[in-house]
Amino acid sequence: MAELANRYENNVLGKYFVDNQCIDCDLCRETAPANFTRYDDGGYSVVKKQPATPEEEKACKEAMEGCPVEAIGNSGPDSEAELAAALKAAKGGK
């Protein structure tokens, strides 16, 4: 299961995110190319665009369910403030 505390900063804000378990297998980029991309400098995938249509939502969900290392999460925050609060909570309030 993807951990919000391990979310890559390169993900756009929003529901879906990729964490540091990503092995750069390309499955998410093949399944939902409108939403995932490769971060070349790090050698991993990130969410480049949150789903905006039912089709994109379905593709992102399929990518998440198919991820071999469960590096895709769907509980990400929608704003910087929500992200900061969620990360603080995930790290035990520290």
PDB file of N, CA and C in Angstrom:
ATOM      1  N   MET A   1       0.839  -1.178   0.000  1.00  0.00           N
ATOM      2  CA  MET A   1       0.000   0.000   0.000  1.00  0.00           C
ATOM      3  C   MET A   1       0.889   1.249   0.000  1.00  0.00           C
ATOM      4  N   ALA A   2       0.591   2.184  -0.866  1.00  0.00           N
ATOM      5  CA  ALA A   2       1.360   3.418  -0.944  1.00  0.00           C
ATOM      6  C   ALA A   2       1.182   4.239   0.332  1.00  0.00           C
ATOM      7  N   GLU A   3       2.266   4.852   0.759  1.00  0.00           N
ATOM      8  CA  GLU A   3       2.272   5.646   1.984  1.00  0.00           C
ATOM      9  C   GLU A   3       2.390   7.125   1.642  1.00  0.00           C
ATOM     10  N   LEU A   4       1.455   7.918   2.136  1.00  0.00           N
ATOM     11  CA  LEU A   4       1.478   9.355   1.886  1.00  0.00           C
ATOM     12  C   LEU A   4       2.779   9.979   2.384  1.00  0.00           C
ATOM     13  N   ALA A   5       3.299   9.477   3.492  1.00  0.00           N
ATOM     14  CA  ALA A   5       4.548  10.010   4.043  1.00  0.00           C
ATOM     15  C   ALA A   5       5.727   9.801   3.098  1.00  0.00           C
ATOM     16  N   ASN A   6       5.620   8.816   2.182  1.00  0.00           N
ATOM     17  CA  ASN A   6       6.693   8.515   1.233  1.00  0.00           C
ATOM     18  C   ASN A   6       6.375   8.997  -0.174  1.00  0.00           C
ATOM     19  N   ARG A   7       5.380   9.850  -0.301  1.00  0.00           N
ATOM     20  CA  ARG A   7       4.929  10.401  -1.589  1.00  0.00           C
ATOM     21  C   ARG A   7       6.056  11.221  -2.227  1.00  0.00           C
ATOM     22  N   TYR A   8       6.298  10.976  -3.510  1.00  0.00           N
ATOM     23  CA  TYR A   8       7.281  11.785  -4.230  1.00  0.00           C
ATOM     24  C   TYR A   8       6.745  13.208  -4.384  1.00  0.00           C
ATOM     25  N   GLU A   9       7.605  14.185  -4.150  1.00  0.00           N
ATOM     26  CA  GLU A   9       7.211  15.590  -4.255  1.00  0.00           C
ATOM     27  C   GLU A   9       6.867  15.989  -5.683  1.00  0.00           C
ATOM     28  N   ASN A  10       7.306  15.219  -6.657  1.00  0.00           N
ATOM     29  CA  ASN A  10       7.066  15.544  -8.067  1.00  0.00           C
ATOM     30  C   ASN A  10       5.633  15.269  -8.513  1.00  0.00           C
ATOM     31  N   ASN A  11       4.852  14.575  -7.685  1.00  0.00           N
ATOM     32  CA  ASN A  11       3.444  14.336  -8.017  1.00  0.00           C
ATOM     33  C   ASN A  11       2.683  15.651  -7.972  1.00  0.00           C
ATOM     34  N   VAL A  12       1.714  15.821  -8.870  1.00  0.00           N
ATOM     35  CA  VAL A  12       0.828  16.969  -8.747  1.00  0.00           C
ATOM     36  C   VAL A  12      -0.077  16.727  -7.538  1.00  0.00           C
ATOM     37  N   LEU A  13      -0.558  17.795  -6.950  1.00  0.00           N
ATOM     38  CA  LEU A  13      -1.461  17.654  -5.815  1.00  0.00           C
ATOM     39  C   LEU A  13      -2.750  16.974  -6.234  1.00  0.00           C
ATOM     40  N   GLY A  14      -3.322  16.235  -5.333  1.00  0.00           N
ATOM     41  CA  GLY A  14      -4.598  15.590  -5.601  1.00  0.00           C
ATOM     42  C   GLY A  14      -4.642  14.168  -5.087  1.00  0.00           C
ATOM     43  N   LYS A  15      -5.730  13.537  -5.402  1.00  0.00           N
ATOM     44  CA  LYS A  15      -6.075  12.211  -4.899  1.00  0.00           C
ATOM     45  C   LYS A  15      -4.989  11.158  -5.154  1.00  0.00           C
ATOM     46  N   TYR A  16      -4.553  11.026  -6.393  1.00  0.00           N
ATOM     47  CA  TYR A  16      -3.578   9.982  -6.742  1.00  0.00           C
ATOM     48  C   TYR A  16      -2.151  10.476  -6.551  1.00  0.00           C
ATOM     49  N   PHE A  17      -1.274   9.565  -6.115  1.00  0.00           N
ATOM     50  CA  PHE A  17       0.143   9.871  -5.948  1.00  0.00           C
ATOM     51  C   PHE A  17       0.956   8.593  -6.078  1.00  0.00           C
ATOM     52  N   VAL A  18       2.250   8.758  -6.331  1.00  0.00           N
ATOM     53  CA  VAL A  18       3.199   7.638  -6.378  1.00  0.00           C
ATOM     54  C   VAL A  18       4.181   7.844  -5.235  1.00  0.00           C
ATOM     55  N   ASP A  19       4.510   6.749  -4.526  1.00  0.00           N
ATOM     56  CA  ASP A  19       5.472   6.879  -3.431  1.00  0.00           C
ATOM     57  C   ASP A  19       6.803   6.226  -3.800  1.00  0.00           C
ATOM     58  N   ASN A  20       7.721   6.210  -2.840  1.00  0.00           N
ATOM     59  CA  ASN A  20       9.089   5.772  -3.120  1.00  0.00           C
ATOM     60  C   ASN A  20       9.265   4.268  -3.292  1.00  0.00           C
ATOM     61  N   GLN A  21       8.186   3.509  -3.359  1.00  0.00           N
ATOM     62  CA  GLN A  21       8.279   2.075  -3.654  1.00  0.00           C
ATOM     63  C   GLN A  21       8.343   1.810  -5.164  1.00  0.00           C
ATOM     64  N   CYS A  22       8.103   2.855  -5.958  1.00  0.00           N
ATOM     65  CA  CYS A  22       8.054   2.698  -7.421  1.00  0.00           C
ATOM     66  C   CYS A  22       9.345   2.084  -7.958  1.00  0.00           C
ATOM     67  N   ILE A  23       9.176   1.080  -8.830  1.00  0.00           N
ATOM     68  CA  ILE A  23      10.323   0.406  -9.440  1.00  0.00           C
ATOM     69  C   ILE A  23      10.467   0.766 -10.922  1.00  0.00           C
ATOM     70  N   ASP A  24       9.729   1.780 -11.367  1.00  0.00           N
ATOM     71  CA  ASP A  24       9.835   2.279 -12.746  1.00  0.00           C
ATOM     72  C   ASP A  24       9.515   1.198 -13.779  1.00  0.00           C
ATOM     73  N   CYS A  25       8.465   0.414 -13.499  1.00  0.00           N
ATOM     74  CA  CYS A  25       8.111  -0.693 -14.397  1.00  0.00           C
ATOM     75  C   CYS A  25       7.347  -0.237 -15.641  1.00  0.00           C
ATOM     76  N   ASP A  26       6.803   0.972 -15.625  1.00  0.00           N
ATOM     77  CA  ASP A  26       6.095   1.562 -16.761  1.00  0.00           C
ATOM     78  C   ASP A  26       4.624   1.162 -16.851  1.00  0.00           C
ATOM     79  N   LEU A  27       4.130   0.306 -15.957  1.00  0.00           N
ATOM     80  CA  LEU A  27       2.745  -0.145 -16.048  1.00  0.00           C
ATOM     81  C   LEU A  27       1.761   1.023 -15.949  1.00  0.00           C
ATOM     82  N   CYS A  28       1.967   1.926 -14.996  1.00  0.00           N
ATOM     83  CA  CYS A  28       1.026   3.045 -14.835  1.00  0.00           C
ATOM     84  C   CYS A  28       1.062   3.976 -16.047  1.00  0.00           C
ATOM     85  N   ARG A  29       2.236   4.183 -16.601  1.00  0.00           N
ATOM     86  CA  ARG A  29       2.361   5.066 -17.769  1.00  0.00           C
ATOM     87  C   ARG A  29       1.712   4.449 -18.999  1.00  0.00           C
ATOM     88  N   GLU A  30       1.729   3.127 -19.081  1.00  0.00           N
ATOM     89  CA  GLU A  30       1.062   2.433 -20.184  1.00  0.00           C
ATOM     90  C   GLU A  30      -0.454   2.411 -19.984  1.00  0.00           C
ATOM     91  N   THR A  31      -0.891   2.238 -18.733  1.00  0.00           N
ATOM     92  CA  THR A  31      -2.309   2.104 -18.417  1.00  0.00           C
ATOM     93  C   THR A  31      -3.034   3.438 -18.431  1.00  0.00           C
ATOM     94  N   ALA A  32      -2.376   4.471 -17.917  1.00  0.00           N
ATOM     95  CA  ALA A  32      -2.998   5.804 -17.823  1.00  0.00           C
ATOM     96  C   ALA A  32      -1.994   6.864 -18.286  1.00  0.00           C
ATOM     97  N   PRO A  33      -1.669   6.870 -19.584  1.00  0.00           N
ATOM     98  CA  PRO A  33      -0.632   7.782 -20.080  1.00  0.00           C
ATOM     99  C   PRO A  33      -0.976   9.264 -19.943  1.00  0.00           C
ATOM    100  N   ALA A  34      -2.241   9.591 -19.853  1.00  0.00           N
ATOM    101  CA  ALA A  34      -2.626  10.998 -19.687  1.00  0.00           C
ATOM    102  C   ALA A  34      -2.357  11.487 -18.271  1.00  0.00           C
ATOM    103  N   ASN A  35      -2.150  10.552 -17.342  1.00  0.00           N
ATOM    104  CA  ASN A  35      -2.048  10.917 -15.935  1.00  0.00           C
ATOM    105  C   ASN A  35      -0.700  10.637 -15.281  1.00  0.00           C
ATOM    106  N   PHE A  36       0.052   9.705 -15.820  1.00  0.00           N
ATOM    107  CA  PHE A  36       1.346   9.352 -15.233  1.00  0.00           C
ATOM    108  C   PHE A  36       2.466   9.645 -16.222  1.00  0.00           C
ATOM    109  N   THR A  37       3.616   9.999 -15.685  1.00  0.00           N
ATOM    110  CA  THR A  37       4.799  10.225 -16.514  1.00  0.00           C
ATOM    111  C   THR A  37       6.021   9.737 -15.760  1.00  0.00           C
ATOM    112  N   ARG A  38       7.129   9.675 -16.455  1.00  0.00           N
ATOM    113  CA  ARG A  38       8.386   9.246 -15.824  1.00  0.00           C
ATOM    114  C   ARG A  38       9.166  10.471 -15.398  1.00  0.00           C
ATOM    115  N   TYR A  39       9.660  10.458 -14.185  1.00  0.00           N
ATOM    116  CA  TYR A  39      10.580  11.489 -13.716  1.00  0.00           C
ATOM    117  C   TYR A  39      11.974  10.956 -14.015  1.00  0.00           C
ATOM    118  N   ASP A  40      12.545  11.422 -15.114  1.00  0.00           N
ATOM    119  CA  ASP A  40      13.800  10.864 -15.611  1.00  0.00           C
ATOM    120  C   ASP A  40      14.968  11.011 -14.644  1.00  0.00           C
ATOM    121  N   ASP A  41      15.041  12.136 -13.939  1.00  0.00           N
ATOM    122  CA  ASP A  41      16.168  12.352 -13.035  1.00  0.00           C
ATOM    123  C   ASP A  41      16.189  11.355 -11.881  1.00  0.00           C
ATOM    124  N   GLY A  42      15.018  10.870 -11.491  1.00  0.00           N
ATOM    125  CA  GLY A  42      14.953   9.931 -10.377  1.00  0.00           C
ATOM    126  C   GLY A  42      14.713   8.500 -10.801  1.00  0.00           C
ATOM    127  N   GLY A  43      14.229   8.318 -12.028  1.00  0.00           N
ATOM    128  CA  GLY A  43      13.956   6.966 -12.512  1.00  0.00           C
ATOM    129  C   GLY A  43      12.735   6.337 -11.880  1.00  0.00           C
ATOM    130  N   TYR A  44      11.652   7.105 -11.800  1.00  0.00           N
ATOM    131  CA  TYR A  44      10.395   6.599 -11.247  1.00  0.00           C
ATOM    132  C   TYR A  44       9.229   7.340 -11.875  1.00  0.00           C
ATOM    133  N   SER A  45       8.036   6.817 -11.663  1.00  0.00           N
ATOM    134  CA  SER A  45       6.827   7.433 -12.189  1.00  0.00           C
ATOM    135  C   SER A  45       6.236   8.408 -11.178  1.00  0.00           C
ATOM    136  N   VAL A  46       5.507   9.398 -11.699  1.00  0.00           N
ATOM    137  CA  VAL A  46       4.768  10.350 -10.872  1.00  0.00           C
ATOM    138  C   VAL A  46       3.447  10.658 -11.560  1.00  0.00           C
ATOM    139  N   VAL A  47       2.524  11.197 -10.784  1.00  0.00           N
ATOM    140  CA  VAL A  47       1.260  11.663 -11.352  1.00  0.00           C
ATOM    141  C   VAL A  47       1.497  13.049 -11.924  1.00  0.00           C
ATOM    142  N   LYS A  48       1.246  13.200 -13.226  1.00  0.00           N
ATOM    143  CA  LYS A  48       1.437  14.497 -13.864  1.00  0.00           C
ATOM    144  C   LYS A  48       0.131  15.272 -13.959  1.00  0.00           C
ATOM    145  N   LYS A  49      -0.999  14.552 -13.861  1.00  0.00           N
ATOM    146  CA  LYS A  49      -2.316  15.173 -13.996  1.00  0.00           C
ATOM    147  C   LYS A  49      -3.324  14.284 -13.281  1.00  0.00           C
ATOM    148  N   GLN A  50      -4.112  14.885 -12.418  1.00  0.00           N
ATOM    149  CA  GLN A  50      -5.163  14.129 -11.741  1.00  0.00           C
ATOM    150  C   GLN A  50      -6.277  13.821 -12.746  1.00  0.00           C
ATOM    151  N   PRO A  51      -6.988  12.723 -12.571  1.00  0.00           N
ATOM    152  CA  PRO A  51      -8.054  12.370 -13.520  1.00  0.00           C
ATOM    153  C   PRO A  51      -9.156  13.432 -13.546  1.00  0.00           C
ATOM    154  N   ALA A  52      -9.573  13.772 -14.762  1.00  0.00           N
ATOM    155  CA  ALA A  52     -10.600  14.800 -14.945  1.00  0.00           C
ATOM    156  C   ALA A  52     -11.869  14.255 -15.598  1.00  0.00           C
ATOM    157  N   THR A  53     -11.814  13.000 -16.032  1.00  0.00           N
ATOM    158  CA  THR A  53     -12.966  12.379 -16.682  1.00  0.00           C
ATOM    159  C   THR A  53     -13.188  11.000 -16.070  1.00  0.00           C
ATOM    160  N   PRO A  54     -14.361  10.436 -16.250  1.00  0.00           N
ATOM    161  CA  PRO A  54     -14.585   9.062 -15.756  1.00  0.00           C
ATOM    162  C   PRO A  54     -13.599   8.060 -16.362  1.00  0.00           C
ATOM    163  N   GLU A  55     -13.229   8.273 -17.614  1.00  0.00           N
ATOM    164  CA  GLU A  55     -12.289   7.365 -18.276  1.00  0.00           C
ATOM    165  C   GLU A  55     -10.904   7.448 -17.636  1.00  0.00           C
ATOM    166  N   GLU A  56     -10.466   8.676 -17.336  1.00  0.00           N
ATOM    167  CA  GLU A  56      -9.165   8.845 -16.684  1.00  0.00           C
ATOM    168  C   GLU A  56      -9.196   8.275 -15.269  1.00  0.00           C
ATOM    169  N   GLU A  57     -10.299   8.464 -14.556  1.00  0.00           N
ATOM    170  CA  GLU A  57     -10.441   7.903 -13.208  1.00  0.00           C
ATOM    171  C   GLU A  57     -10.340   6.379 -13.263  1.00  0.00           C
ATOM    172  N   LYS A  58     -11.004   5.784 -14.237  1.00  0.00           N
ATOM    173  CA  LYS A  58     -10.962   4.329 -14.396  1.00  0.00           C
ATOM    174  C   LYS A  58      -9.545   3.858 -14.711  1.00  0.00           C
ATOM    175  N   ALA A  59      -8.843   4.588 -15.577  1.00  0.00           N
ATOM    176  CA  ALA A  59      -7.478   4.212 -15.941  1.00  0.00           C
ATOM    177  C   ALA A  59      -6.529   4.346 -14.747  1.00  0.00           C
ATOM    178  N   CYS A  60      -6.689   5.407 -13.955  1.00  0.00           N
ATOM    179  CA  CYS A  60      -5.837   5.584 -12.773  1.00  0.00           C
ATOM    180  C   CYS A  60      -6.099   4.488 -11.746  1.00  0.00           C
ATOM    181  N   LYS A  61      -7.350   4.146 -11.561  1.00  0.00           N
ATOM    182  CA  LYS A  61      -7.687   3.079 -10.621  1.00  0.00           C
ATOM    183  C   LYS A  61      -7.097   1.751 -11.101  1.00  0.00           C
ATOM    184  N   GLU A  62      -7.187   1.499 -12.398  1.00  0.00           N
ATOM    185  CA  GLU A  62      -6.621   0.276 -12.966  1.00  0.00           C
ATOM    186  C   GLU A  62      -5.102   0.252 -12.775  1.00  0.00           C
ATOM    187  N   ALA A  63      -4.452   1.402 -12.974  1.00  0.00           N
ATOM    188  CA  ALA A  63      -2.997   1.484 -12.773  1.00  0.00           C
ATOM    189  C   ALA A  63      -2.647   1.214 -11.317  1.00  0.00           C
ATOM    190  N   MET A  64      -3.416   1.786 -10.406  1.00  0.00           N
ATOM    191  CA  MET A  64      -3.171   1.591  -8.979  1.00  0.00           C
ATOM    192  C   MET A  64      -3.330   0.117  -8.605  1.00  0.00           C
ATOM    193  N   GLU A  65      -4.397  -0.492  -9.069  1.00  0.00           N
ATOM    194  CA  GLU A  65      -4.658  -1.897  -8.742  1.00  0.00           C
ATOM    195  C   GLU A  65      -3.646  -2.839  -9.380  1.00  0.00           C
ATOM    196  N   GLY A  66      -3.087  -2.439 -10.527  1.00  0.00           N
ATOM    197  CA  GLY A  66      -2.133  -3.290 -11.226  1.00  0.00           C
ATOM    198  C   GLY A  66      -0.688  -3.077 -10.830  1.00  0.00           C
ATOM    199  N   CYS A  67      -0.409  -2.044 -10.057  1.00  0.00           N
ATOM    200  CA  CYS A  67       0.978  -1.747  -9.674  1.00  0.00           C
ATOM    201  C   CYS A  67       1.568  -2.932  -8.911  1.00  0.00           C
ATOM    202  N   PRO A  68       2.673  -3.505  -9.397  1.00  0.00           N
ATOM    203  CA  PRO A  68       3.225  -4.704  -8.772  1.00  0.00           C
ATOM    204  C   PRO A  68       3.812  -4.484  -7.377  1.00  0.00           C
ATOM    205  N   VAL A  69       4.119  -3.232  -7.039  1.00  0.00           N
ATOM    206  CA  VAL A  69       4.688  -2.955  -5.713  1.00  0.00           C
ATOM    207  C   VAL A  69       3.789  -2.042  -4.881  1.00  0.00           C
ATOM    208  N   GLU A  70       2.574  -1.828  -5.347  1.00  0.00           N
ATOM    209  CA  GLU A  70       1.579  -1.004  -4.648  1.00  0.00           C
ATOM    210  C   GLU A  70       2.119   0.379  -4.303  1.00  0.00           C
ATOM    211  N   ALA A  71       2.762   1.013  -5.280  1.00  0.00           N
ATOM    212  CA  ALA A  71       3.361   2.329  -5.076  1.00  0.00           C
ATOM    213  C   ALA A  71       2.420   3.477  -5.415  1.00  0.00           C
ATOM    214  N   ILE A  72       1.191   3.182  -5.839  1.00  0.00           N
ATOM    215  CA  ILE A  72       0.228   4.227  -6.201  1.00  0.00           C
ATOM    216  C   ILE A  72      -0.845   4.286  -5.126  1.00  0.00           C
ATOM    217  N   GLY A  73      -1.061   5.496  -4.617  1.00  0.00           N
ATOM    218  CA  GLY A  73      -2.094   5.705  -3.607  1.00  0.00           C
ATOM    219  C   GLY A  73      -3.203   6.587  -4.147  1.00  0.00           C
ATOM    220  N   ASN A  74      -4.340   6.578  -3.459  1.00  0.00           N
ATOM    221  CA  ASN A  74      -5.469   7.400  -3.912  1.00  0.00           C
ATOM    222  C   ASN A  74      -6.089   8.192  -2.762  1.00  0.00           C
ATOM    223  N   SER A  75      -5.269   8.591  -1.823  1.00  0.00           N
ATOM    224  CA  SER A  75      -5.768   9.380  -0.700  1.00  0.00           C
ATOM    225  C   SER A  75      -4.976  10.663  -0.522  1.00  0.00           C
ATOM    226  N   GLY A  76      -4.465  11.183  -1.613  1.00  0.00           N
ATOM    227  CA  GLY A  76      -3.660  12.393  -1.547  1.00  0.00           C
ATOM    228  C   GLY A  76      -4.485  13.646  -1.340  1.00  0.00           C
ATOM    229  N   PRO A  77      -3.859  14.701  -0.819  1.00  0.00           N
ATOM    230  CA  PRO A  77      -4.536  15.963  -0.557  1.00  0.00           C
ATOM    231  C   PRO A  77      -4.667  16.823  -1.814  1.00  0.00           C
ATOM    232  N   ASP A  78      -5.586  17.788  -1.744  1.00  0.00           N
ATOM    233  CA  ASP A  78      -5.844  18.665  -2.880  1.00  0.00           C
ATOM    234  C   ASP A  78      -5.157  20.024  -2.788  1.00  0.00           C
ATOM    235  N   SER A  79      -4.544  20.346  -1.655  1.00  0.00           N
ATOM    236  CA  SER A  79      -3.890  21.641  -1.509  1.00  0.00           C
ATOM    237  C   SER A  79      -2.590  21.482  -0.741  1.00  0.00           C
ATOM    238  N   GLU A  80      -1.739  22.482  -0.829  1.00  0.00           N
ATOM    239  CA  GLU A  80      -0.474  22.456  -0.093  1.00  0.00           C
ATOM    240  C   GLU A  80      -0.719  22.364   1.414  1.00  0.00           C
ATOM    241  N   ALA A  81      -1.737  23.086   1.906  1.00  0.00           N
ATOM    242  CA  ALA A  81      -2.044  23.063   3.337  1.00  0.00           C
ATOM    243  C   ALA A  81      -2.497  21.672   3.772  1.00  0.00           C
ATOM    244  N   GLU A  82      -3.357  21.041   2.963  1.00  0.00           N
ATOM    245  CA  GLU A  82      -3.810  19.684   3.274  1.00  0.00           C
ATOM    246  C   GLU A  82      -2.636  18.710   3.220  1.00  0.00           C
ATOM    247  N   LEU A  83      -1.741  18.896   2.256  1.00  0.00           N
ATOM    248  CA  LEU A  83      -0.568  18.024   2.142  1.00  0.00           C
ATOM    249  C   LEU A  83       0.302  18.150   3.391  1.00  0.00           C
ATOM    250  N   ALA A  84       0.571  19.366   3.822  1.00  0.00           N
ATOM    251  CA  ALA A  84       1.399  19.588   4.998  1.00  0.00           C
ATOM    252  C   ALA A  84       0.766  18.933   6.229  1.00  0.00           C
ATOM    253  N   ALA A  85      -0.537  19.105   6.398  1.00  0.00           N
ATOM    254  CA  ALA A  85      -1.234  18.520   7.546  1.00  0.00           C
ATOM    255  C   ALA A  85      -1.223  17.003   7.473  1.00  0.00           C
ATOM    256  N   ALA A  86      -1.464  16.449   6.286  1.00  0.00           N
ATOM    257  CA  ALA A  86      -1.490  14.998   6.123  1.00  0.00           C
ATOM    258  C   ALA A  86      -0.117  14.385   6.356  1.00  0.00           C
ATOM    259  N   LEU A  87       0.920  15.035   5.860  1.00  0.00           N
ATOM    260  CA  LEU A  87       2.279  14.526   6.070  1.00  0.00           C
ATOM    261  C   LEU A  87       2.664  14.589   7.545  1.00  0.00           C
ATOM    262  N   LYS A  88       2.257  15.656   8.212  1.00  0.00           N
ATOM    263  CA  LYS A  88       2.548  15.784   9.645  1.00  0.00           C
ATOM    264  C   LYS A  88       1.849  14.665  10.412  1.00  0.00           C
ATOM    265  N   ALA A  89       0.598  14.403  10.068  1.00  0.00           N
ATOM    266  CA  ALA A  89      -0.165  13.331  10.734  1.00  0.00           C
ATOM    267  C   ALA A  89       0.451  11.967  10.423  1.00  0.00           C
ATOM    268  N   ALA A  90       0.866  11.766   9.179  1.00  0.00           N
ATOM    269  CA  ALA A  90       1.450  10.479   8.785  1.00  0.00           C
ATOM    270  C   ALA A  90       2.765  10.211   9.497  1.00  0.00           C
ATOM    271  N   LYS A  91       3.457  11.268   9.872  1.00  0.00           N
ATOM    272  CA  LYS A  91       4.741  11.124  10.554  1.00  0.00           C
ATOM    273  C   LYS A  91       4.576  11.235  12.066  1.00  0.00           C
ATOM    274  N   GLY A  92       3.364  11.047  12.544  1.00  0.00           N
ATOM    275  CA  GLY A  92       3.116  11.046  13.975  1.00  0.00           C
ATOM    276  C   GLY A  92       3.083  12.411  14.604  1.00  0.00           C
ATOM    277  N   GLY A  93       2.761  13.440  13.816  1.00  0.00           N
ATOM    278  CA  GLY A  93       2.638  14.787  14.345  1.00  0.00           C
ATOM    279  C   GLY A  93       3.961  15.487  14.574  1.00  0.00           C
ATOM    280  N   LYS A  94       5.040  14.921  14.073  1.00  0.00           N
ATOM    281  CA  LYS A  94       6.386  15.503  14.270  1.00  0.00           C
ATOM    282  C   LYS A  94       6.709  16.527  13.215  1.00  0.00           C
TER     283      LYS A  94
END
